[in-house]
Amino acid sequence: MGEKMSWIEYGIWNEILMCMETFVLTLCTWFFMSRTEQDQSEKKKYRWGAAILYWMGLAGITFGFQDSRSVHLILLVYMVSMTMLAGRWLYDRGRMYRFYYFLFPVTMVTVRIFVIYMVFAYMSSRWGSMIFDYALTNTALIIRQLTEILLTGAWVVGLNRKKYENVKGIQFAGLFLAPAVSVFIIFSLIYTGDVFVQMYGAFLIILNILALVIMNLYIWYLFSYQSKNKKLRAELEIRKKQSEMQYQYYEKVEQRYQSSRKLVHDMRNHLQAIEALQEQDSAKGREYVKDMHRMLDTLGIVNYTENRMLNIILNDKAEEAQKAGIGLEIRIGEIRLEHIRDMDMTTIFANLLDNALEAAEQAAGKPMIRVQADTFHDFTVVKIRNSMVCGGSAKVLGRYKKRRKSHMGIGLENVRHTLEKYGGGMMTEALEEEFVVSITIPV
């Protein structure tokens, strides 16, 4: 049987745990802010100094006002003001993030008060009055710190939800099941472990609590790893598609180059034939000239735009449309997309054009796809119209949305997220016999 700790030892541990909590709160706050989007990256050198000042203030309030009833109010005001100030100055000035910098410390202080309330409620039920107990207070301090760590993890996962776009909603919600169960188990251990704590101390219960926290952190790690793995596989599929298009494009360039050499070699003979036909039969001569134009057209690769990757995509989809008997009209003005990575270009345009081709194949009559792009007021605006099954009802649109999610292993939401990386946006519209996608990208 283990020897029970003395009252003095419990008091020393109480001071240590209180000091430790100021470190935990500081680390949680700075970890939270470092995982938000940042527009003040040039001020990284000041962040450690600000964190130390933040911790010193927390320690001063914790030990200077520990016997004051208003300690939590003072702590809340300090954490909110300092987090908002540090977040706005060192991390992100956005209005939404200023709101997050306000809400995060509020939730942290609320958790502290909730844990204390639960401890006081337990003491009252145990003794019938408020009797101070170092052992229980120290256990509550540990629970409070571990709950603050779990809450910070929940905040970070929630704010970075877009990074887990390949994870289904139920799976994402399940991520919070383990912390919820863990908190319940922790309070159950404290509530039912009264006799055990009196006889053996709180060491084993604390060890169980630490094991629960480690388990939660590992679950979060596995969740993040799984999400990154799915994202990498989707990117690999995109790169594979991109490589195939580039290979086919350059293969066609080589084939047409060889054909053009043969045509140049035979050009003298063709000119002599045209001259002879012009003198003998002008109608046949004109027909021969038309055949020559058609032959030259097959050798040309259309330069729709100066962007190499977009040009490859448009040429590839134009050939697919021709094979499928779909009319394709492309009008590209002076657009600037050089800041967009080739992989993102493929994600956006290859996916949208694949959707348009699939929908147009289902349409009756003479299906058409029209692509228009130009620059307006420092924005590149692209509009893709395609024929679709007659009837722009919600039912038809729903079926179309379900089909288009299969392209290249990504859905239209991935296109939207890719555009958001560059500050762009997308709108869709289903008309009676036509589907329209409009995208805007800041120059």
Protein backbone atom coordinates (compact mmCIF):
# COMPACT_ATOMS: atom_id res chain seq x y z
CA MET A 1 0.00 0.00 0.00
CA GLY A 2 1.42 3.36 -1.04
CA GLU A 3 2.16 6.03 1.56
CA LYS A 4 -0.21 8.94 1.53
CA MET A 5 1.23 12.38 0.81
CA SER A 6 1.45 14.89 3.66
CA TRP A 7 -0.51 18.14 3.82
CA ILE A 8 2.69 20.14 3.17
CA GLU A 9 3.56 18.06 0.09
CA TYR A 10 0.04 18.61 -1.28
CA GLY A 11 0.51 22.36 -0.73
CA ILE A 12 3.82 22.36 -2.64
CA TRP A 13 2.22 20.46 -5.51
CA ASN A 14 -0.62 22.98 -5.49
CA GLU A 15 1.83 25.84 -6.09
CA ILE A 16 3.63 23.86 -8.83
CA LEU A 17 0.38 23.01 -10.62
CA MET A 18 -0.85 26.60 -10.46
CA CYS A 19 2.42 27.79 -12.03
CA MET A 20 2.19 25.01 -14.60
CA GLU A 21 -1.29 26.16 -15.59
CA THR A 22 0.01 29.60 -16.53
CA PHE A 23 2.46 27.87 -18.92
CA VAL A 24 -0.32 25.68 -20.34
CA LEU A 25 -2.62 28.65 -20.93
CA THR A 26 0.18 30.60 -22.64
CA LEU A 27 1.18 27.66 -24.86
CA CYS A 28 -2.46 26.92 -25.75
CA THR A 29 -3.12 30.56 -26.68
CA TRP A 30 0.00 30.85 -28.84
CA PHE A 31 -0.60 27.44 -30.46
CA PHE A 32 -4.15 28.53 -31.31
CA MET A 33 -3.02 31.82 -32.86
CA SER A 34 -0.19 30.13 -34.80
CA ARG A 35 -2.72 27.80 -36.47
CA THR A 36 -4.86 30.65 -37.82
CA GLU A 37 -4.29 32.28 -41.20
CA GLN A 38 -1.52 34.85 -40.89
CA ASP A 39 -0.92 38.16 -42.67
CA GLN A 40 1.77 39.43 -40.28
CA SER A 41 4.50 36.87 -40.99
CA GLU A 42 7.19 39.56 -41.02
CA LYS A 43 6.70 39.99 -37.23
CA LYS A 44 7.64 36.42 -36.25
CA LYS A 45 10.68 37.63 -34.32
CA TYR A 46 8.44 39.42 -31.79
CA ARG A 47 6.20 36.43 -31.01
CA TRP A 48 8.37 34.72 -28.40
CA GLY A 49 8.84 37.97 -26.51
CA ALA A 50 5.09 38.63 -26.56
CA ALA A 51 4.43 35.08 -25.29
CA ILE A 52 6.81 35.59 -22.34
CA LEU A 53 5.12 38.89 -21.44
CA TYR A 54 1.73 37.19 -21.71
CA TRP A 55 2.87 34.42 -19.34
CA MET A 56 4.29 36.89 -16.83
CA GLY A 57 0.96 38.69 -16.70
CA LEU A 58 -0.91 35.41 -16.20
CA ALA A 59 1.43 34.38 -13.40
CA GLY A 60 1.06 37.75 -11.70
CA ILE A 61 -2.75 37.56 -11.76
CA THR A 62 -2.83 33.87 -10.72
CA PHE A 63 -0.66 34.33 -7.62
CA GLY A 64 -1.47 37.96 -6.86
CA PHE A 65 -5.26 37.56 -6.87
CA GLN A 66 -5.66 33.85 -5.97
CA ASP A 67 -7.63 34.72 -2.82
CA SER A 68 -9.79 37.32 -4.58
CA ARG A 69 -13.34 36.50 -5.66
CA SER A 70 -12.87 38.57 -8.81
CA VAL A 71 -9.76 36.67 -9.99
CA HIS A 72 -11.64 35.06 -12.89
CA LEU A 73 -13.04 38.39 -14.07
CA ILE A 74 -9.57 39.97 -13.94
CA LEU A 75 -8.12 36.96 -15.74
CA LEU A 76 -10.83 37.11 -18.42
CA VAL A 77 -10.26 40.83 -19.10
CA TYR A 78 -6.49 40.30 -19.27
CA MET A 79 -6.64 37.23 -21.56
CA VAL A 80 -9.19 38.79 -23.94
CA SER A 81 -7.36 42.12 -24.27
CA MET A 82 -3.88 40.57 -24.60
CA THR A 83 -4.99 37.83 -27.03
CA MET A 84 -6.79 40.32 -29.27
CA LEU A 85 -3.84 42.73 -29.16
CA ALA A 86 -1.21 40.05 -29.86
CA GLY A 87 -3.36 38.36 -32.51
CA ARG A 88 -4.07 41.58 -34.40
CA TRP A 89 -0.47 42.83 -34.20
CA LEU A 90 1.44 39.57 -34.73
CA TYR A 91 -0.87 37.19 -36.63
CA ASP A 92 -3.97 38.36 -38.53
CA ARG A 93 -5.80 41.71 -38.72
CA GLY A 94 -8.98 40.23 -40.26
CA ARG A 95 -12.28 41.12 -38.60
CA MET A 96 -13.32 37.47 -38.27
CA TYR A 97 -10.04 36.54 -36.62
CA ARG A 98 -10.38 39.42 -34.18
CA PHE A 99 -13.66 37.81 -33.16
CA TYR A 100 -11.89 34.44 -32.75
CA TYR A 101 -9.18 36.10 -30.65
CA PHE A 102 -11.97 37.38 -28.40
CA LEU A 103 -13.95 34.14 -28.22
CA PHE A 104 -11.02 31.78 -27.56
CA PRO A 105 -9.99 33.20 -24.13
CA VAL A 106 -13.68 33.45 -23.18
CA THR A 107 -14.11 29.71 -23.72
CA MET A 108 -10.87 28.96 -21.82
CA VAL A 109 -11.95 30.93 -18.75
CA THR A 110 -15.43 29.38 -18.97
CA VAL A 111 -13.85 25.91 -18.83
CA ARG A 112 -11.82 26.92 -15.75
CA ILE A 113 -14.96 28.13 -13.96
CA PHE A 114 -16.89 25.00 -14.98
CA VAL A 115 -14.23 22.67 -13.55
CA ILE A 116 -14.05 24.66 -10.30
CA TYR A 117 -17.84 24.56 -10.04
CA MET A 118 -17.81 20.77 -10.46
CA VAL A 119 -15.15 20.44 -7.74
CA PHE A 120 -17.10 22.68 -5.35
CA ALA A 121 -20.26 20.70 -6.09
CA TYR A 122 -18.42 17.50 -5.28
CA MET A 123 -17.00 18.92 -2.04
CA SER A 124 -20.47 20.04 -0.95
CA SER A 125 -21.98 16.63 -1.68
CA ARG A 126 -19.09 14.90 0.13
CA TRP A 127 -18.79 17.02 3.28
CA GLY A 128 -22.10 18.85 3.34
CA SER A 129 -20.13 22.14 3.43
CA MET A 130 -17.23 23.84 1.64
CA ILE A 131 -14.12 22.27 3.25
CA PHE A 132 -10.81 22.88 1.47
CA ASP A 133 -9.08 19.69 0.26
CA TYR A 134 -5.60 19.97 -1.29
CA ALA A 135 -5.73 16.52 -2.89
CA LEU A 136 -8.99 17.24 -4.68
CA THR A 137 -7.90 20.78 -5.60
CA ASN A 138 -4.68 19.48 -7.18
CA THR A 139 -6.61 16.88 -9.13
CA ALA A 140 -8.97 19.63 -10.30
CA LEU A 141 -5.98 21.71 -11.45
CA ILE A 142 -4.73 18.79 -13.57
CA ILE A 143 -8.21 18.18 -15.01
CA ARG A 144 -8.49 21.88 -15.81
CA GLN A 145 -5.19 21.98 -17.67
CA LEU A 146 -5.92 18.84 -19.66
CA THR A 147 -9.38 20.16 -20.54
CA GLU A 148 -7.79 23.41 -21.74
CA ILE A 149 -5.44 21.40 -23.98
CA LEU A 150 -8.34 19.40 -25.44
CA LEU A 151 -10.39 22.58 -25.96
CA THR A 152 -7.48 24.20 -27.82
CA GLY A 153 -7.27 21.15 -30.06
CA ALA A 154 -11.00 21.39 -30.80
CA TRP A 155 -10.60 25.10 -31.68
CA VAL A 156 -7.70 24.40 -34.05
CA VAL A 157 -9.52 21.56 -35.82
CA GLY A 158 -12.67 23.67 -36.16
CA LEU A 159 -10.82 26.69 -37.59
CA ASN A 160 -8.90 24.52 -40.06
CA ARG A 161 -11.97 22.64 -41.25
CA LYS A 162 -11.08 23.30 -44.91
CA LYS A 163 -7.94 21.24 -44.52
CA TYR A 164 -10.17 18.26 -43.78
CA GLU A 165 -12.49 18.76 -46.75
CA ASN A 166 -12.04 15.15 -47.85
CA VAL A 167 -13.39 13.87 -44.51
CA LYS A 168 -17.13 13.27 -44.36
CA GLY A 169 -19.27 15.22 -41.92
CA ILE A 170 -20.03 12.22 -39.70
CA GLN A 171 -16.34 11.33 -39.49
CA PHE A 172 -15.47 14.92 -38.63
CA ALA A 173 -18.14 15.05 -35.91
CA GLY A 174 -16.83 11.73 -34.55
CA LEU A 175 -13.49 13.41 -33.87
CA PHE A 176 -15.08 15.21 -30.92
CA LEU A 177 -16.60 12.03 -29.48
CA ALA A 178 -13.35 10.87 -27.84
CA PRO A 179 -12.76 14.17 -25.94
CA ALA A 180 -16.39 14.20 -24.78
CA VAL A 181 -16.16 10.61 -23.50
CA SER A 182 -12.78 11.36 -21.91
CA VAL A 183 -14.15 14.31 -19.95
CA PHE A 184 -17.03 12.13 -18.71
CA ILE A 185 -14.59 9.39 -17.62
CA ILE A 186 -12.37 11.94 -15.85
CA PHE A 187 -15.26 13.33 -13.79
CA SER A 188 -16.47 9.79 -13.09
CA LEU A 189 -13.02 8.84 -11.79
CA ILE A 190 -12.95 11.83 -9.45
CA TYR A 191 -16.51 11.36 -8.28
CA THR A 192 -16.29 7.60 -7.62
CA GLY A 193 -12.65 7.53 -6.46
CA ASP A 194 -13.17 9.14 -3.09
CA VAL A 195 -12.14 6.13 -0.98
CA PHE A 196 -9.27 5.29 -3.33
CA VAL A 197 -7.86 8.83 -3.06
CA GLN A 198 -8.08 8.77 0.73
CA MET A 199 -6.20 5.46 0.95
CA TYR A 200 -3.69 5.65 -1.89
CA GLY A 201 -3.57 9.26 -3.02
CA ALA A 202 -4.48 10.66 -6.45
CA PHE A 203 -1.41 9.42 -8.36
CA LEU A 204 -3.11 6.52 -10.21
CA ILE A 205 -6.16 8.62 -11.09
CA ILE A 206 -3.87 11.37 -12.45
CA LEU A 207 -2.02 8.72 -14.47
CA ASN A 208 -5.33 7.56 -15.97
CA ILE A 209 -6.22 11.14 -16.86
CA LEU A 210 -2.85 11.63 -18.57
CA ALA A 211 -3.39 8.40 -20.54
CA LEU A 212 -6.78 9.69 -21.71
CA VAL A 213 -5.26 12.96 -22.92
CA ILE A 214 -2.44 11.14 -24.74
CA MET A 215 -5.05 8.92 -26.38
CA ASN A 216 -7.01 11.99 -27.56
CA LEU A 217 -3.90 13.66 -28.94
CA TYR A 218 -3.03 10.46 -30.81
CA ILE A 219 -6.57 10.27 -32.27
CA TRP A 220 -6.21 13.86 -33.48
CA TYR A 221 -2.84 12.95 -35.03
CA LEU A 222 -4.36 9.94 -36.84
CA PHE A 223 -7.27 12.08 -38.02
CA SER A 224 -4.93 14.74 -39.40
CA TYR A 225 -2.74 12.09 -41.03
CA GLN A 226 -5.74 10.44 -42.68
CA SER A 227 -7.01 13.77 -44.00
CA LYS A 228 -3.59 14.71 -45.40
CA ASN A 229 -3.30 11.25 -46.99
CA LYS A 230 -6.64 11.68 -48.78
CA LYS A 231 -5.66 15.15 -49.92
CA LEU A 232 -2.30 13.91 -51.24
CA ARG A 233 -4.02 11.09 -53.13
CA ALA A 234 -6.39 13.60 -54.73
CA GLU A 235 -3.43 15.81 -55.68
CA LEU A 236 -1.62 12.77 -57.09
CA GLU A 237 -4.64 12.01 -59.26
CA ILE A 238 -4.66 15.60 -60.50
CA ARG A 239 -0.93 15.49 -61.28
CA LYS A 240 -1.43 12.21 -63.12
CA LYS A 241 -4.19 13.76 -65.21
CA GLN A 242 -2.03 16.82 -65.82
CA SER A 243 0.97 14.72 -66.87
CA GLU A 244 -1.19 12.69 -69.27
CA MET A 245 -2.52 15.85 -70.89
CA GLN A 246 0.96 17.32 -71.21
CA TYR A 247 2.34 14.10 -72.69
CA GLN A 248 -0.51 13.84 -75.20
CA TYR A 249 -0.10 17.52 -76.07
CA TYR A 250 3.62 17.26 -76.81
CA GLU A 251 3.08 13.97 -78.63
CA LYS A 252 0.58 15.72 -80.91
CA VAL A 253 3.04 18.58 -81.41
CA GLU A 254 5.68 16.06 -82.53
CA GLN A 255 3.24 14.27 -84.86
CA ARG A 256 2.12 17.52 -86.43
CA TYR A 257 5.71 18.67 -86.81
CA GLN A 258 6.53 15.50 -88.74
CA SER A 259 3.40 15.92 -90.86
CA SER A 260 4.26 19.55 -91.58
CA ARG A 261 7.75 18.51 -92.77
CA LYS A 262 6.15 16.09 -95.23
CA LEU A 263 3.73 18.78 -96.36
CA VAL A 264 6.54 21.29 -96.92
CA HIS A 265 8.45 18.65 -98.86
CA ASP A 266 5.43 18.07 -101.13
CA MET A 267 4.43 21.75 -101.31
CA ARG A 268 6.08 22.30 -104.72
CA ASN A 269 4.06 19.43 -106.19
CA HIS A 270 0.86 20.78 -104.63
CA LEU A 271 1.46 24.25 -106.06
CA GLN A 272 2.11 22.83 -109.51
CA ALA A 273 -1.11 20.79 -109.26
CA ILE A 274 -3.09 23.89 -108.24
CA GLU A 275 -1.67 25.94 -111.14
CA ALA A 276 -2.55 23.19 -113.61
CA LEU A 277 -6.10 22.83 -112.28
CA GLN A 278 -6.61 26.60 -112.32
CA GLU A 279 -5.81 26.66 -116.05
CA GLN A 280 -7.85 23.54 -116.93
CA ASP A 281 -10.71 23.40 -114.37
CA SER A 282 -11.05 26.31 -111.94
CA ALA A 283 -13.78 24.55 -109.88
CA LYS A 284 -11.52 21.58 -109.20
CA GLY A 285 -8.70 23.98 -108.42
CA ARG A 286 -10.79 25.74 -105.77
CA GLU A 287 -11.75 22.36 -104.27
CA TYR A 288 -8.08 21.38 -104.17
CA VAL A 289 -7.26 24.62 -102.35
CA LYS A 290 -9.99 23.90 -99.79
CA ASP A 291 -8.52 20.45 -99.20
CA MET A 292 -5.14 22.09 -98.63
CA HIS A 293 -6.67 24.45 -96.05
CA ARG A 294 -8.27 21.54 -94.22
CA MET A 295 -4.93 19.71 -94.22
CA LEU A 296 -3.18 22.78 -92.78
CA ASP A 297 -5.89 23.17 -90.13
CA THR A 298 -5.21 19.64 -88.86
CA LEU A 299 -1.55 20.56 -88.37
CA GLY A 300 -2.15 23.65 -86.29
CA ILE A 301 -2.35 23.79 -82.48
CA VAL A 302 -4.54 26.66 -81.43
CA ASN A 303 -2.99 29.18 -79.05
CA TYR A 304 -6.05 30.21 -77.10
CA THR A 305 -4.00 31.92 -74.40
CA GLU A 306 -0.42 32.68 -73.42
CA ASN A 307 -0.80 30.47 -70.33
CA ARG A 308 0.90 27.20 -71.29
CA MET A 309 -1.06 24.88 -68.97
CA LEU A 310 -4.43 26.41 -69.79
CA ASN A 311 -3.63 26.17 -73.49
CA ILE A 312 -2.84 22.46 -73.10
CA ILE A 313 -6.11 21.87 -71.24
CA LEU A 314 -8.19 23.75 -73.84
CA ASN A 315 -6.58 21.90 -76.75
CA ASP A 316 -7.10 18.57 -75.02
CA LYS A 317 -10.77 19.24 -74.24
CA ALA A 318 -11.35 20.65 -77.74
CA GLU A 319 -10.23 17.33 -79.21
CA GLU A 320 -12.46 15.41 -76.79
CA ALA A 321 -15.41 17.62 -77.74
CA GLN A 322 -14.76 17.06 -81.46
CA LYS A 323 -14.68 13.27 -80.98
CA ALA A 324 -17.94 13.40 -79.01
CA GLY A 325 -19.65 15.58 -81.63
CA ILE A 326 -19.96 18.55 -79.27
CA GLY A 327 -19.48 22.06 -80.55
CA LEU A 328 -16.86 24.03 -78.63
CA GLU A 329 -16.57 27.80 -78.87
CA ILE A 330 -13.64 29.43 -77.05
CA ARG A 331 -13.12 33.17 -76.73
CA ILE A 332 -10.17 34.16 -74.59
CA GLY A 333 -9.21 37.79 -74.14
CA GLU A 334 -6.12 39.20 -72.44
CA ILE A 335 -6.17 37.32 -69.17
CA ARG A 336 -3.45 37.06 -66.52
CA LEU A 337 -3.25 33.71 -64.72
CA GLU A 338 0.51 33.35 -64.34
CA HIS A 339 0.18 33.43 -60.51
CA ILE A 340 -1.85 30.21 -60.52
CA ARG A 341 0.09 26.95 -60.14
CA ASP A 342 -0.20 24.38 -62.93
CA MET A 343 -1.79 21.85 -60.57
CA ASP A 344 -4.42 24.36 -59.46
CA MET A 345 -5.02 25.32 -63.08
CA THR A 346 -5.72 21.65 -63.82
CA THR A 347 -7.98 21.33 -60.78
CA ILE A 348 -10.10 24.29 -61.87
CA PHE A 349 -10.34 24.14 -65.65
CA ALA A 350 -9.92 20.43 -66.43
CA ASN A 351 -12.55 19.54 -63.84
CA LEU A 352 -15.03 22.19 -65.00
CA LEU A 353 -14.60 21.28 -68.66
CA ASP A 354 -14.94 17.57 -67.87
CA ASN A 355 -18.23 18.38 -66.13
CA ALA A 356 -19.35 20.42 -69.13
CA LEU A 357 -18.45 17.63 -71.58
CA GLU A 358 -20.28 14.99 -69.55
CA ALA A 359 -23.42 17.10 -69.27
CA ALA A 360 -23.34 18.11 -72.96
CA GLU A 361 -23.10 14.45 -74.03
CA GLN A 362 -26.48 13.84 -72.37
CA ALA A 363 -28.14 16.78 -74.13
CA ALA A 364 -30.29 16.37 -77.24
CA GLY A 365 -29.91 18.19 -80.55
CA LYS A 366 -26.63 19.97 -81.19
CA PRO A 367 -24.85 20.22 -77.84
CA MET A 368 -22.55 23.17 -77.33
CA ILE A 369 -19.93 24.35 -74.87
CA ARG A 370 -18.96 28.01 -74.80
CA VAL A 371 -15.93 29.28 -72.91
CA GLN A 372 -15.44 33.03 -72.47
CA ALA A 373 -12.67 34.71 -70.51
CA ASP A 374 -11.49 38.28 -70.13
CA THR A 375 -10.20 40.79 -67.59
CA PHE A 376 -12.52 43.31 -65.95
CA HIS A 377 -11.39 45.76 -63.25
CA ASP A 378 -8.39 43.72 -62.08
CA PHE A 379 -10.37 40.46 -62.13
CA THR A 380 -10.09 37.57 -64.57
CA VAL A 381 -13.64 36.45 -65.31
CA VAL A 382 -14.31 33.05 -66.90
CA LYS A 383 -17.74 31.82 -67.92
CA ILE A 384 -18.38 28.25 -69.10
CA ARG A 385 -21.78 27.45 -70.62
CA ASN A 386 -22.79 23.96 -71.64
CA SER A 387 -25.91 22.28 -72.98
CA MET A 388 -27.65 19.96 -70.54
CA VAL A 389 -30.70 17.72 -70.33
CA CYS A 390 -33.84 19.76 -70.94
CA GLY A 391 -35.39 21.02 -67.72
CA GLY A 392 -33.44 23.03 -65.20
CA SER A 393 -35.42 21.70 -62.26
CA ALA A 394 -33.87 20.99 -58.89
CA LYS A 395 -34.20 17.26 -59.57
CA VAL A 396 -32.23 17.47 -62.80
CA LEU A 397 -29.67 19.76 -61.19
CA GLY A 398 -29.33 17.35 -58.27
CA ARG A 399 -28.58 14.46 -60.61
CA TYR A 400 -26.05 16.60 -62.45
CA LYS A 401 -24.31 17.55 -59.20
CA LYS A 402 -24.07 13.89 -58.19
CA ARG A 403 -22.50 12.93 -61.52
CA ARG A 404 -19.96 15.72 -61.58
CA LYS A 405 -18.43 14.72 -58.21
CA SER A 406 -16.80 11.71 -59.80
CA HIS A 407 -14.41 13.72 -62.04
CA MET A 408 -10.74 13.17 -61.22
CA GLY A 409 -11.65 12.08 -57.69
CA ILE A 410 -12.62 15.62 -56.63
CA GLY A 411 -15.89 17.56 -56.51
CA LEU A 412 -16.94 21.06 -57.38
CA GLU A 413 -16.25 22.11 -53.78
CA ASN A 414 -12.56 21.40 -54.36
CA VAL A 415 -12.65 23.79 -57.31
CA ARG A 416 -14.24 26.39 -55.05
CA HIS A 417 -11.60 25.89 -52.35
CA THR A 418 -8.82 26.14 -54.96
CA LEU A 419 -10.24 29.45 -56.17
CA GLU A 420 -10.45 30.73 -52.60
CA LYS A 421 -6.69 30.21 -52.23
CA TYR A 422 -6.27 33.01 -54.79
CA GLY A 423 -9.09 35.16 -53.43
CA GLY A 424 -11.44 34.03 -56.20
CA GLY A 425 -15.00 32.75 -56.22
CA MET A 426 -17.46 30.71 -58.24
CA MET A 427 -21.17 30.89 -59.09
CA THR A 428 -23.36 28.28 -60.81
CA GLU A 429 -26.71 28.70 -62.55
CA ALA A 430 -29.02 26.06 -64.06
CA LEU A 431 -31.18 27.39 -66.90
CA GLU A 432 -33.79 25.48 -68.93
CA GLU A 433 -31.34 23.80 -71.33
CA GLU A 434 -28.02 25.23 -70.20
CA PHE A 435 -25.73 25.12 -67.19
CA VAL A 436 -23.50 28.12 -66.47
CA VAL A 437 -20.39 28.29 -64.27
CA SER A 438 -18.84 31.71 -63.63
CA ILE A 439 -15.51 32.11 -61.85
CA THR A 440 -13.60 35.24 -60.87
CA ILE A 441 -9.90 35.40 -59.97
CA PRO A 442 -8.18 38.59 -58.81
CA VAL A 443 -5.29 39.63 -61.07
